[in-house]
PDB file of N, CA and C in Angstrom:
ATOM      1  N   MET A   1      93.684  68.708  97.843  1.00  0.00           N
ATOM      2  CA  MET A   1      94.712  69.159  96.905  1.00  0.00           C
ATOM      3  C   MET A   1      95.434  70.383  97.468  1.00  0.00           C
ATOM      4  N   SER A   2      96.722  70.401  97.391  1.00  0.00           N
ATOM      5  CA  SER A   2      97.451  71.519  97.999  1.00  0.00           C
ATOM      6  C   SER A   2      97.411  72.752  97.107  1.00  0.00           C
ATOM      7  N   LYS A   3      97.380  73.889  97.751  1.00  0.00           N
ATOM      8  CA  LYS A   3      97.381  75.174  97.052  1.00  0.00           C
ATOM      9  C   LYS A   3      98.802  75.514  96.636  1.00  0.00           C
ATOM     10  N   LYS A   4      98.915  76.222  95.516  1.00  0.00           N
ATOM     11  CA  LYS A   4     100.232  76.640  95.028  1.00  0.00           C
ATOM     12  C   LYS A   4     100.420  78.127  95.307  1.00  0.00           C
ATOM     13  N   ILE A   5     101.587  78.458  95.863  1.00  0.00           N
ATOM     14  CA  ILE A   5     101.903  79.869  96.090  1.00  0.00           C
ATOM     15  C   ILE A   5     103.259  80.172  95.466  1.00  0.00           C
ATOM     16  N   LEU A   6     103.327  81.321  94.817  1.00  0.00           N
ATOM     17  CA  LEU A   6     104.586  81.795  94.251  1.00  0.00           C
ATOM     18  C   LEU A   6     105.042  82.982  95.094  1.00  0.00           C
ATOM     19  N   ILE A   7     106.244  82.865  95.672  1.00  0.00           N
ATOM     20  CA  ILE A   7     106.801  83.946  96.482  1.00  0.00           C
ATOM     21  C   ILE A   7     107.868  84.654  95.648  1.00  0.00           C
ATOM     22  N   VAL A   8     107.647  85.952  95.401  1.00  0.00           N
ATOM     23  CA  VAL A   8     108.565  86.719  94.564  1.00  0.00           C
ATOM     24  C   VAL A   8     109.210  87.810  95.412  1.00  0.00           C
ATOM     25  N   ASP A   9     110.480  87.598  95.766  1.00  0.00           N
ATOM     26  CA  ASP A   9     111.184  88.563  96.610  1.00  0.00           C
ATOM     27  C   ASP A   9     112.679  88.359  96.411  1.00  0.00           C
ATOM     28  N   ASP A  10     113.438  89.441  96.457  1.00  0.00           N
ATOM     29  CA  ASP A  10     114.882  89.314  96.238  1.00  0.00           C
ATOM     30  C   ASP A  10     115.667  89.207  97.551  1.00  0.00           C
ATOM     31  N   GLU A  11     114.964  89.105  98.685  1.00  0.00           N
ATOM     32  CA  GLU A  11     115.645  88.953  99.973  1.00  0.00           C
ATOM     33  C   GLU A  11     115.575  87.502 100.435  1.00  0.00           C
ATOM     34  N   PRO A  12     116.708  86.762 100.406  1.00  0.00           N
ATOM     35  CA  PRO A  12     116.714  85.335 100.736  1.00  0.00           C
ATOM     36  C   PRO A  12     116.117  85.001 102.098  1.00  0.00           C
ATOM     37  N   ASN A  13     116.362  85.847 103.113  1.00  0.00           N
ATOM     38  CA  ASN A  13     115.822  85.554 104.446  1.00  0.00           C
ATOM     39  C   ASN A  13     114.308  85.548 104.457  1.00  0.00           C
ATOM     40  N   ILE A  14     113.725  86.509 103.772  1.00  0.00           N
ATOM     41  CA  ILE A  14     112.270  86.594 103.698  1.00  0.00           C
ATOM     42  C   ILE A  14     111.725  85.373 102.968  1.00  0.00           C
ATOM     43  N   VAL A  15     112.336  85.055 101.848  1.00  0.00           N
ATOM     44  CA  VAL A  15     111.886  83.917 101.039  1.00  0.00           C
ATOM     45  C   VAL A  15     111.951  82.626 101.861  1.00  0.00           C
ATOM     46  N   MET A  16     113.063  82.399 102.554  1.00  0.00           N
ATOM     47  CA  MET A  16     113.218  81.163 103.326  1.00  0.00           C
ATOM     48  C   MET A  16     112.199  81.060 104.453  1.00  0.00           C
ATOM     49  N   THR A  17     111.996  82.158 105.160  1.00  0.00           N
ATOM     50  CA  THR A  17     111.046  82.173 106.269  1.00  0.00           C
ATOM     51  C   THR A  17     109.635  81.871 105.781  1.00  0.00           C
ATOM     52  N   LEU A  18     109.231  82.550 104.708  1.00  0.00           N
ATOM     53  CA  LEU A  18     107.879  82.357 104.185  1.00  0.00           C
ATOM     54  C   LEU A  18     107.705  80.971 103.580  1.00  0.00           C
ATOM     55  N   GLU A  19     108.739  80.491 102.875  1.00  0.00           N
ATOM     56  CA  GLU A  19     108.658  79.164 102.269  1.00  0.00           C
ATOM     57  C   GLU A  19     108.391  78.114 103.351  1.00  0.00           C
ATOM     58  N   TYR A  20     109.128  78.194 104.431  1.00  0.00           N
ATOM     59  CA  TYR A  20     108.977  77.256 105.540  1.00  0.00           C
ATOM     60  C   TYR A  20     107.554  77.336 106.119  1.00  0.00           C
ATOM     61  N   ALA A  21     107.087  78.555 106.355  1.00  0.00           N
ATOM     62  CA  ALA A  21     105.765  78.750 106.959  1.00  0.00           C
ATOM     63  C   ALA A  21     104.647  78.205 106.063  1.00  0.00           C
ATOM     64  N   PHE A  22     104.738  78.438 104.749  1.00  0.00           N
ATOM     65  CA  PHE A  22     103.681  77.961 103.851  1.00  0.00           C
ATOM     66  C   PHE A  22     103.745  76.452 103.650  1.00  0.00           C
ATOM     67  N   LYS A  23     104.954  75.887 103.641  1.00  0.00           N
ATOM     68  CA  LYS A  23     105.073  74.432 103.523  1.00  0.00           C
ATOM     69  C   LYS A  23     104.454  73.745 104.734  1.00  0.00           C
ATOM     70  N   LYS A  24     104.601  74.357 105.908  1.00  0.00           N
ATOM     71  CA  LYS A  24     103.992  73.809 107.121  1.00  0.00           C
ATOM     72  C   LYS A  24     102.467  73.775 107.002  1.00  0.00           C
ATOM     73  N   GLN A  25     101.916  74.680 106.187  1.00  0.00           N
ATOM     74  CA  GLN A  25     100.462  74.723 105.964  1.00  0.00           C
ATOM     75  C   GLN A  25     100.076  73.914 104.720  1.00  0.00           C
ATOM     76  N   SER A  26     100.957  73.051 104.271  1.00  0.00           N
ATOM     77  CA  SER A  26     100.728  72.164 103.115  1.00  0.00           C
ATOM     78  C   SER A  26     100.592  72.878 101.771  1.00  0.00           C
ATOM     79  N   PHE A  27     101.185  74.053 101.650  1.00  0.00           N
ATOM     80  CA  PHE A  27     101.213  74.726 100.350  1.00  0.00           C
ATOM     81  C   PHE A  27     102.340  74.137  99.510  1.00  0.00           C
ATOM     82  N   GLU A  28     102.149  74.162  98.201  1.00  0.00           N
ATOM     83  CA  GLU A  28     103.236  73.866  97.285  1.00  0.00           C
ATOM     84  C   GLU A  28     103.880  75.220  96.994  1.00  0.00           C
ATOM     85  N   VAL A  29     105.159  75.382  97.316  1.00  0.00           N
ATOM     86  CA  VAL A  29     105.798  76.696  97.262  1.00  0.00           C
ATOM     87  C   VAL A  29     106.766  76.808  96.087  1.00  0.00           C
ATOM     88  N   PHE A  30     106.634  77.898  95.345  1.00  0.00           N
ATOM     89  CA  PHE A  30     107.542  78.197  94.235  1.00  0.00           C
ATOM     90  C   PHE A  30     108.190  79.541  94.543  1.00  0.00           C
ATOM     91  N   ILE A  31     109.450  79.701  94.126  1.00  0.00           N
ATOM     92  CA  ILE A  31     110.227  80.888  94.493  1.00  0.00           C
ATOM     93  C   ILE A  31     110.757  81.577  93.232  1.00  0.00           C
ATOM     94  N   ALA A  32     110.669  82.907  93.223  1.00  0.00           N
ATOM     95  CA  ALA A  32     111.314  83.693  92.167  1.00  0.00           C
ATOM     96  C   ALA A  32     112.001  84.864  92.849  1.00  0.00           C
ATOM     97  N   ARG A  33     113.172  85.248  92.328  1.00  0.00           N
ATOM     98  CA  ARG A  33     113.912  86.340  92.954  1.00  0.00           C
ATOM     99  C   ARG A  33     113.634  87.703  92.329  1.00  0.00           C
ATOM    100  N   ASP A  34     112.956  87.719  91.195  1.00  0.00           N
ATOM    101  CA  ASP A  34     112.544  88.998  90.608  1.00  0.00           C
ATOM    102  C   ASP A  34     111.400  88.751  89.625  1.00  0.00           C
ATOM    103  N   GLY A  35     110.910  89.847  89.045  1.00  0.00           N
ATOM    104  CA  GLY A  35     109.756  89.743  88.164  1.00  0.00           C
ATOM    105  C   GLY A  35     109.981  88.889  86.928  1.00  0.00           C
ATOM    106  N   SER A  36     111.188  88.946  86.360  1.00  0.00           N
ATOM    107  CA  SER A  36     111.397  88.174  85.132  1.00  0.00           C
ATOM    108  C   SER A  36     111.425  86.673  85.437  1.00  0.00           C
ATOM    109  N   GLU A  37     111.995  86.305  86.580  1.00  0.00           N
ATOM    110  CA  GLU A  37     111.972  84.903  87.003  1.00  0.00           C
ATOM    111  C   GLU A  37     110.531  84.458  87.292  1.00  0.00           C
ATOM    112  N   ALA A  38     109.772  85.357  87.906  1.00  0.00           N
ATOM    113  CA  ALA A  38     108.374  85.053  88.223  1.00  0.00           C
ATOM    114  C   ALA A  38     107.576  84.789  86.946  1.00  0.00           C
ATOM    115  N   LYS A  39     107.808  85.607  85.923  1.00  0.00           N
ATOM    116  CA  LYS A  39     107.091  85.425  84.652  1.00  0.00           C
ATOM    117  C   LYS A  39     107.399  84.058  84.042  1.00  0.00           C
ATOM    118  N   GLU A  40     108.695  83.676  84.066  1.00  0.00           N
ATOM    119  CA  GLU A  40     109.083  82.375  83.523  1.00  0.00           C
ATOM    120  C   GLU A  40     108.322  81.250  84.209  1.00  0.00           C
ATOM    121  N   ILE A  41     108.239  81.316  85.534  1.00  0.00           N
ATOM    122  CA  ILE A  41     107.537  80.290  86.299  1.00  0.00           C
ATOM    123  C   ILE A  41     106.057  80.288  85.938  1.00  0.00           C
ATOM    124  N   MET A  42     105.458  81.482  85.844  1.00  0.00           N
ATOM    125  CA  MET A  42     104.009  81.573  85.591  1.00  0.00           C
ATOM    126  C   MET A  42     103.611  81.244  84.161  1.00  0.00           C
ATOM    127  N   GLU A  43     104.591  81.171  83.253  1.00  0.00           N
ATOM    128  CA  GLU A  43     104.261  80.720  81.895  1.00  0.00           C
ATOM    129  C   GLU A  43     103.834  79.253  81.946  1.00  0.00           C
ATOM    130  N   LYS A  44     104.397  78.511  82.917  1.00  0.00           N
ATOM    131  CA  LYS A  44     104.130  77.071  83.011  1.00  0.00           C
ATOM    132  C   LYS A  44     103.199  76.713  84.165  1.00  0.00           C
ATOM    133  N   LEU A  45     103.016  77.639  85.079  1.00  0.00           N
ATOM    134  CA  LEU A  45     102.329  77.330  86.326  1.00  0.00           C
ATOM    135  C   LEU A  45     101.261  78.371  86.613  1.00  0.00           C
ATOM    136  N   THR A  46     100.125  77.914  87.151  1.00  0.00           N
ATOM    137  CA  THR A  46      99.093  78.852  87.584  1.00  0.00           C
ATOM    138  C   THR A  46      98.988  78.772  89.100  1.00  0.00           C
ATOM    139  N   PRO A  47      99.649  79.692  89.812  1.00  0.00           N
ATOM    140  CA  PRO A  47      99.575  79.651  91.281  1.00  0.00           C
ATOM    141  C   PRO A  47      98.207  80.123  91.784  1.00  0.00           C
ATOM    142  N   ASP A  48      97.804  79.618  92.944  1.00  0.00           N
ATOM    143  CA  ASP A  48      96.564  80.099  93.564  1.00  0.00           C
ATOM    144  C   ASP A  48      96.809  81.481  94.143  1.00  0.00           C
ATOM    145  N   ALA A  49      98.027  81.686  94.652  1.00  0.00           N
ATOM    146  CA  ALA A  49      98.373  82.974  95.258  1.00  0.00           C
ATOM    147  C   ALA A  49      99.783  83.368  94.848  1.00  0.00           C
ATOM    148  N   ILE A  50      99.987  84.675  94.694  1.00  0.00           N
ATOM    149  CA  ILE A  50     101.297  85.212  94.338  1.00  0.00           C
ATOM    150  C   ILE A  50     101.624  86.285  95.371  1.00  0.00           C
ATOM    151  N   LEU A  51     102.702  86.071  96.106  1.00  0.00           N
ATOM    152  CA  LEU A  51     103.147  87.032  97.105  1.00  0.00           C
ATOM    153  C   LEU A  51     104.282  87.813  96.465  1.00  0.00           C
ATOM    154  N   LEU A  52     104.060  89.107  96.270  1.00  0.00           N
ATOM    155  CA  LEU A  52     104.925  89.873  95.387  1.00  0.00           C
ATOM    156  C   LEU A  52     105.549  91.075  96.084  1.00  0.00           C
ATOM    157  N   ASP A  53     106.869  91.164  96.018  1.00  0.00           N
ATOM    158  CA  ASP A  53     107.571  92.349  96.516  1.00  0.00           C
ATOM    159  C   ASP A  53     107.482  93.416  95.412  1.00  0.00           C
ATOM    160  N   ILE A  54     107.585  94.683  95.758  1.00  0.00           N
ATOM    161  CA  ILE A  54     107.540  95.726  94.721  1.00  0.00           C
ATOM    162  C   ILE A  54     108.945  96.095  94.254  1.00  0.00           C
ATOM    163  N   MET A  55     109.860  96.331  95.216  1.00  0.00           N
ATOM    164  CA  MET A  55     111.198  96.793  94.840  1.00  0.00           C
ATOM    165  C   MET A  55     112.123  95.604  94.578  1.00  0.00           C
ATOM    166  N   MET A  56     112.322  95.297  93.298  1.00  0.00           N
ATOM    167  CA  MET A  56     113.183  94.185  92.907  1.00  0.00           C
ATOM    168  C   MET A  56     114.016  94.598  91.698  1.00  0.00           C
ATOM    169  N   PRO A  57     115.155  93.916  91.499  1.00  0.00           N
ATOM    170  CA  PRO A  57     115.977  94.229  90.316  1.00  0.00           C
ATOM    171  C   PRO A  57     115.236  93.883  89.019  1.00  0.00           C
ATOM    172  N   GLN A  58     115.625  94.490  87.925  1.00  0.00           N
ATOM    173  CA  GLN A  58     115.093  94.239  86.581  1.00  0.00           C
ATOM    174  C   GLN A  58     113.613  94.565  86.457  1.00  0.00           C
ATOM    175  N   VAL A  59     112.739  93.638  86.810  1.00  0.00           N
ATOM    176  CA  VAL A  59     111.301  93.859  86.650  1.00  0.00           C
ATOM    177  C   VAL A  59     110.685  94.021  88.040  1.00  0.00           C
ATOM    178  N   ASP A  60     110.090  95.184  88.331  1.00  0.00           N
ATOM    179  CA  ASP A  60     109.548  95.387  89.680  1.00  0.00           C
ATOM    180  C   ASP A  60     108.149  94.784  89.837  1.00  0.00           C
ATOM    181  N   GLY A  61     107.636  94.883  91.062  1.00  0.00           N
ATOM    182  CA  GLY A  61     106.343  94.287  91.378  1.00  0.00           C
ATOM    183  C   GLY A  61     105.185  94.894  90.603  1.00  0.00           C
ATOM    184  N   TYR A  62     105.232  96.203  90.374  1.00  0.00           N
ATOM    185  CA  TYR A  62     104.147  96.839  89.618  1.00  0.00           C
ATOM    186  C   TYR A  62     104.093  96.277  88.190  1.00  0.00           C
ATOM    187  N   GLN A  63     105.253  96.183  87.553  1.00  0.00           N
ATOM    188  CA  GLN A  63     105.313  95.656  86.176  1.00  0.00           C
ATOM    189  C   GLN A  63     104.864  94.197  86.143  1.00  0.00           C
ATOM    190  N   THR A  64     105.290  93.447  87.156  1.00  0.00           N
ATOM    191  CA  THR A  64     104.919  92.040  87.228  1.00  0.00           C
ATOM    192  C   THR A  64     103.408  91.898  87.383  1.00  0.00           C
ATOM    193  N   LEU A  65     102.809  92.742  88.241  1.00  0.00           N
ATOM    194  CA  LEU A  65     101.357  92.708  88.446  1.00  0.00           C
ATOM    195  C   LEU A  65     100.621  93.021  87.141  1.00  0.00           C
ATOM    196  N   GLU A  66     101.083  94.028  86.418  1.00  0.00           N
ATOM    197  CA  GLU A  66     100.436  94.368  85.138  1.00  0.00           C
ATOM    198  C   GLU A  66     100.506  93.193  84.169  1.00  0.00           C
ATOM    199  N   TRP A  67     101.641  92.506  84.153  1.00  0.00           N
ATOM    200  CA  TRP A  67     101.812  91.340  83.282  1.00  0.00           C
ATOM    201  C   TRP A  67     100.854  90.225  83.695  1.00  0.00           C
ATOM    202  N   ILE A  68     100.745  89.971  85.016  1.00  0.00           N
ATOM    203  CA  ILE A  68      99.833  88.928  85.528  1.00  0.00           C
ATOM    204  C   ILE A  68      98.408  89.239  85.076  1.00  0.00           C
ATOM    205  N   LYS A  69      98.006  90.515  85.220  1.00  0.00           N
ATOM    206  CA  LYS A  69      96.636  90.908  84.886  1.00  0.00           C
ATOM    207  C   LYS A  69      96.350  90.762  83.384  1.00  0.00           C
ATOM    208  N   SER A  70      97.400  90.733  82.567  1.00  0.00           N
ATOM    209  CA  SER A  70      97.186  90.627  81.122  1.00  0.00           C
ATOM    210  C   SER A  70      97.092  89.164  80.661  1.00  0.00           C
ATOM    211  N   LYS A  71      97.329  88.218  81.580  1.00  0.00           N
ATOM    212  CA  LYS A  71      97.340  86.801  81.218  1.00  0.00           C
ATOM    213  C   LYS A  71      96.041  86.124  81.631  1.00  0.00           C
ATOM    214  N   GLU A  72      95.344  85.524  80.654  1.00  0.00           N
ATOM    215  CA  GLU A  72      94.057  84.911  80.941  1.00  0.00           C
ATOM    216  C   GLU A  72      94.160  83.770  81.955  1.00  0.00           C
ATOM    217  N   HIS A  73      95.204  82.941  81.839  1.00  0.00           N
ATOM    218  CA  HIS A  73      95.298  81.777  82.738  1.00  0.00           C
ATOM    219  C   HIS A  73      95.592  82.160  84.191  1.00  0.00           C
ATOM    220  N   LEU A  74      95.923  83.431  84.421  1.00  0.00           N
ATOM    221  CA  LEU A  74      96.216  83.873  85.789  1.00  0.00           C
ATOM    222  C   LEU A  74      95.082  84.713  86.379  1.00  0.00           C
ATOM    223  N   CYS A  75      93.961  84.803  85.672  1.00  0.00           N
ATOM    224  CA  CYS A  75      92.911  85.738  86.108  1.00  0.00           C
ATOM    225  C   CYS A  75      92.312  85.367  87.474  1.00  0.00           C
ATOM    226  N   ASN A  76      92.440  84.101  87.899  1.00  0.00           N
ATOM    227  CA  ASN A  76      91.904  83.730  89.214  1.00  0.00           C
ATOM    228  C   ASN A  76      92.963  83.665  90.300  1.00  0.00           C
ATOM    229  N   SER A  77      94.217  83.930  89.943  1.00  0.00           N
ATOM    230  CA  SER A  77      95.281  83.932  90.956  1.00  0.00           C
ATOM    231  C   SER A  77      95.156  85.181  91.821  1.00  0.00           C
ATOM    232  N   LYS A  78      95.274  85.006  93.123  1.00  0.00           N
ATOM    233  CA  LYS A  78      95.218  86.145  94.048  1.00  0.00           C
ATOM    234  C   LYS A  78      96.618  86.733  94.172  1.00  0.00           C
ATOM    235  N   VAL A  79      96.717  88.043  94.032  1.00  0.00           N
ATOM    236  CA  VAL A  79      98.026  88.694  94.113  1.00  0.00           C
ATOM    237  C   VAL A  79      98.085  89.567  95.360  1.00  0.00           C
ATOM    238  N   VAL A  80      99.138  89.347  96.167  1.00  0.00           N
ATOM    239  CA  VAL A  80      99.320  90.107  97.396  1.00  0.00           C
ATOM    240  C   VAL A  80     100.683  90.796  97.352  1.00  0.00           C
ATOM    241  N   PHE A  81     100.683  92.124  97.501  1.00  0.00           N
ATOM    242  CA  PHE A  81     101.953  92.842  97.602  1.00  0.00           C
ATOM    243  C   PHE A  81     102.457  92.709  99.035  1.00  0.00           C
ATOM    244  N   LEU A  82     103.739  92.376  99.177  1.00  0.00           N
ATOM    245  CA  LEU A  82     104.395  92.381 100.473  1.00  0.00           C
ATOM    246  C   LEU A  82     105.621  93.264 100.290  1.00  0.00           C
ATOM    247  N   THR A  83     105.572  94.467 100.842  1.00  0.00           N
ATOM    248  CA  THR A  83     106.568  95.462 100.468  1.00  0.00           C
ATOM    249  C   THR A  83     106.896  96.429 101.600  1.00  0.00           C
ATOM    250  N   ALA A  84     108.071  97.032 101.517  1.00  0.00           N
ATOM    251  CA  ALA A  84     108.447  98.072 102.472  1.00  0.00           C
ATOM    252  C   ALA A  84     107.848  99.416 102.065  1.00  0.00           C
ATOM    253  N   LYS A  85     107.292  99.494 100.839  1.00  0.00           N
ATOM    254  CA  LYS A  85     106.699 100.757 100.361  1.00  0.00           C
ATOM    255  C   LYS A  85     105.337 100.929 101.041  1.00  0.00           C
ATOM    256  N   ASN A  86     105.278 101.817 102.029  1.00  0.00           N
ATOM    257  CA  ASN A  86     104.039 101.920 102.800  1.00  0.00           C
ATOM    258  C   ASN A  86     103.379 103.295 102.707  1.00  0.00           C
ATOM    259  N   LYS A  87     103.780 104.095 101.730  1.00  0.00           N
ATOM    260  CA  LYS A  87     103.123 105.400 101.549  1.00  0.00           C
ATOM    261  C   LYS A  87     101.741 105.178 100.914  1.00  0.00           C
ATOM    262  N   ASN A  88     100.812 106.086 101.221  1.00  0.00           N
ATOM    263  CA  ASN A  88      99.470 105.961 100.653  1.00  0.00           C
ATOM    264  C   ASN A  88      99.497 105.909  99.132  1.00  0.00           C
ATOM    265  N   SER A  89     100.396 106.686  98.513  1.00  0.00           N
ATOM    266  CA  SER A  89     100.450 106.716  97.045  1.00  0.00           C
ATOM    267  C   SER A  89     100.866 105.348  96.487  1.00  0.00           C
ATOM    268  N   ASP A  90     101.765 104.658  97.199  1.00  0.00           N
ATOM    269  CA  ASP A  90     102.178 103.319  96.762  1.00  0.00           C
ATOM    270  C   ASP A  90     101.017 102.344  96.872  1.00  0.00           C
ATOM    271  N   ILE A  91     100.313 102.412  98.005  1.00  0.00           N
ATOM    272  CA  ILE A  91      99.190 101.512  98.244  1.00  0.00           C
ATOM    273  C   ILE A  91      98.104 101.758  97.198  1.00  0.00           C
ATOM    274  N   GLU A  92      97.789 103.043  96.940  1.00  0.00           N
ATOM    275  CA  GLU A  92      96.772 103.377  95.935  1.00  0.00           C
ATOM    276  C   GLU A  92      97.165 102.842  94.568  1.00  0.00           C
ATOM    277  N   LYS A  93      98.441 102.995  94.208  1.00  0.00           N
ATOM    278  CA  LYS A  93      98.896 102.506  92.910  1.00  0.00           C
ATOM    279  C   LYS A  93      98.695 100.992  92.812  1.00  0.00           C
ATOM    280  N   GLY A  94      99.051 100.293  93.873  1.00  0.00           N
ATOM    281  CA  GLY A  94      98.874  98.846  93.900  1.00  0.00           C
ATOM    282  C   GLY A  94      97.417  98.455  93.730  1.00  0.00           C
ATOM    283  N   LEU A  95      96.546  99.129  94.462  1.00  0.00           N
ATOM    284  CA  LEU A  95      95.118  98.806  94.386  1.00  0.00           C
ATOM    285  C   LEU A  95      94.543  99.156  93.011  1.00  0.00           C
ATOM    286  N   GLU A  96      95.014 100.275  92.437  1.00  0.00           N
ATOM    287  CA  GLU A  96      94.563 100.647  91.085  1.00  0.00           C
ATOM    288  C   GLU A  96      94.951  99.590  90.055  1.00  0.00           C
ATOM    289  N   LEU A  97      96.147  98.995  90.236  1.00  0.00           N
ATOM    290  CA  LEU A  97      96.610  97.970  89.299  1.00  0.00           C
ATOM    291  C   LEU A  97      95.922  96.633  89.531  1.00  0.00           C
ATOM    292  N   GLY A  98      95.144  96.548  90.617  1.00  0.00           N
ATOM    293  CA  GLY A  98      94.338  95.351  90.827  1.00  0.00           C
ATOM    294  C   GLY A  98      94.894  94.330  91.802  1.00  0.00           C
ATOM    295  N   VAL A  99      95.776  94.763  92.714  1.00  0.00           N
ATOM    296  CA  VAL A  99      96.299  93.820  93.703  1.00  0.00           C
ATOM    297  C   VAL A  99      95.168  93.445  94.674  1.00  0.00           C
ATOM    298  N   ASP A 100      95.146  92.194  95.132  1.00  0.00           N
ATOM    299  CA  ASP A 100      94.062  91.749  96.020  1.00  0.00           C
ATOM    300  C   ASP A 100      94.278  92.172  97.468  1.00  0.00           C
ATOM    301  N   LYS A 101      95.535  92.267  97.876  1.00  0.00           N
ATOM    302  CA  LYS A 101      95.857  92.714  99.232  1.00  0.00           C
ATOM    303  C   LYS A 101      97.199  93.414  99.224  1.00  0.00           C
ATOM    304  N   TYR A 102      97.366  94.368 100.140  1.00  0.00           N
ATOM    305  CA  TYR A 102      98.617  95.131 100.214  1.00  0.00           C
ATOM    306  C   TYR A 102      99.124  95.020 101.643  1.00  0.00           C
ATOM    307  N   LEU A 103     100.203  94.259 101.851  1.00  0.00           N
ATOM    308  CA  LEU A 103     100.771  94.075 103.180  1.00  0.00           C
ATOM    309  C   LEU A 103     102.156  94.712 103.228  1.00  0.00           C
ATOM    310  N   THR A 104     102.517  95.292 104.367  1.00  0.00           N
ATOM    311  CA  THR A 104     103.790  95.997 104.439  1.00  0.00           C
ATOM    312  C   THR A 104     104.796  95.295 105.350  1.00  0.00           C
ATOM    313  N   LYS A 105     106.072  95.494 105.020  1.00  0.00           N
ATOM    314  CA  LYS A 105     107.175  94.989 105.847  1.00  0.00           C
ATOM    315  C   LYS A 105     107.514  96.063 106.876  1.00  0.00           C
ATOM    316  N   PRO A 106     108.031  95.731 108.035  1.00  0.00           N
ATOM    317  CA  PRO A 106     108.210  94.375 108.559  1.00  0.00           C
ATOM    318  C   PRO A 106     106.858  93.716 108.828  1.00  0.00           C
ATOM    319  N   PHE A 107     106.846  92.398 108.848  1.00  0.00           N
ATOM    320  CA  PHE A 107     105.568  91.694 108.926  1.00  0.00           C
ATOM    321  C   PHE A 107     105.642  90.524 109.895  1.00  0.00           C
ATOM    322  N   SER A 108     104.474  90.046 110.288  1.00  0.00           N
ATOM    323  CA  SER A 108     104.397  88.824 111.084  1.00  0.00           C
ATOM    324  C   SER A 108     104.103  87.691 110.109  1.00  0.00           C
ATOM    325  N   VAL A 109     104.944  86.660 110.148  1.00  0.00           N
ATOM    326  CA  VAL A 109     104.791  85.523 109.229  1.00  0.00           C
ATOM    327  C   VAL A 109     103.411  84.885 109.410  1.00  0.00           C
ATOM    328  N   LYS A 110     103.024  84.728 110.666  1.00  0.00           N
ATOM    329  CA  LYS A 110     101.734  84.109 110.966  1.00  0.00           C
ATOM    330  C   LYS A 110     100.588  84.906 110.325  1.00  0.00           C
ATOM    331  N   LYS A 111     100.677  86.231 110.423  1.00  0.00           N
ATOM    332  CA  LYS A 111      99.636  87.090 109.857  1.00  0.00           C
ATOM    333  C   LYS A 111      99.573  86.927 108.332  1.00  0.00           C
ATOM    334  N   ILE A 112     100.744  86.854 107.702  1.00  0.00           N
ATOM    335  CA  ILE A 112     100.769  86.705 106.241  1.00  0.00           C
ATOM    336  C   ILE A 112     100.151  85.385 105.812  1.00  0.00           C
ATOM    337  N   VAL A 113     100.541  84.309 106.499  1.00  0.00           N
ATOM    338  CA  VAL A 113      99.994  82.984 106.165  1.00  0.00           C
ATOM    339  C   VAL A 113      98.478  83.012 106.338  1.00  0.00           C
ATOM    340  N   ASN A 114      97.999  83.597 107.441  1.00  0.00           N
ATOM    341  CA  ASN A 114      96.551  83.671 107.680  1.00  0.00           C
ATOM    342  C   ASN A 114      95.836  84.512 106.626  1.00  0.00           C
ATOM    343  N   GLU A 115      96.445  85.637 106.246  1.00  0.00           N
ATOM    344  CA  GLU A 115      95.841  86.501 105.208  1.00  0.00           C
ATOM    345  C   GLU A 115      95.679  85.738 103.899  1.00  0.00           C
ATOM    346  N   ILE A 116      96.703  84.979 103.518  1.00  0.00           N
ATOM    347  CA  ILE A 116      96.660  84.227 102.253  1.00  0.00           C
ATOM    348  C   ILE A 116      95.598  83.125 102.338  1.00  0.00           C
ATOM    349  N   ILE A 117      95.588  82.390 103.448  1.00  0.00           N
ATOM    350  CA  ILE A 117      94.601  81.313 103.613  1.00  0.00           C
ATOM    351  C   ILE A 117      93.185  81.888 103.521  1.00  0.00           C
ATOM    352  N   GLU A 118      92.973  83.036 104.188  1.00  0.00           N
ATOM    353  CA  GLU A 118      91.677  83.712 104.172  1.00  0.00           C
ATOM    354  C   GLU A 118      91.295  84.136 102.746  1.00  0.00           C
ATOM    355  N   LEU A 119      92.268  84.687 102.036  1.00  0.00           N
ATOM    356  CA  LEU A 119      92.047  85.170 100.676  1.00  0.00           C
ATOM    357  C   LEU A 119      91.647  84.013  99.746  1.00  0.00           C
ATOM    358  N   LEU A 120      92.197  82.838  99.982  1.00  0.00           N
ATOM    359  CA  LEU A 120      91.932  81.687  99.116  1.00  0.00           C
ATOM    360  C   LEU A 120      90.695  80.899  99.532  1.00  0.00           C
ATOM    361  N   ALA A 121      90.142  81.241 100.709  1.00  0.00           N
ATOM    362  CA  ALA A 121      88.996  80.463 101.230  1.00  0.00           C
ATOM    363  C   ALA A 121      87.743  80.676 100.392  1.00  0.00           C
TER     364      ALA A 121
END
């Protein structure tokens, strides 16, 4: 059975690159451009993994993570921040909110795919 991943990022190039890479690994890929779009998708879908940017219009990654953590049907979904915010205070905030992994941009696509596969193993 294929794993479901939700990629939440407002940068089309990043989304396209990651979508292609995860599809090659037989993931079912869902895309949201911001937190409010992500919430709509997750009302109907329980992804195995959520790759989440922090800096997005309307609803940011921190708010989205808090919302995910408040939903019972998402309690087993792994959440990974993929963000340009690389200060220790940002990372600590993410970990305090319960993110499973914190990865920073710029990134290697191969490394991200491997991190997610490892996290879901």
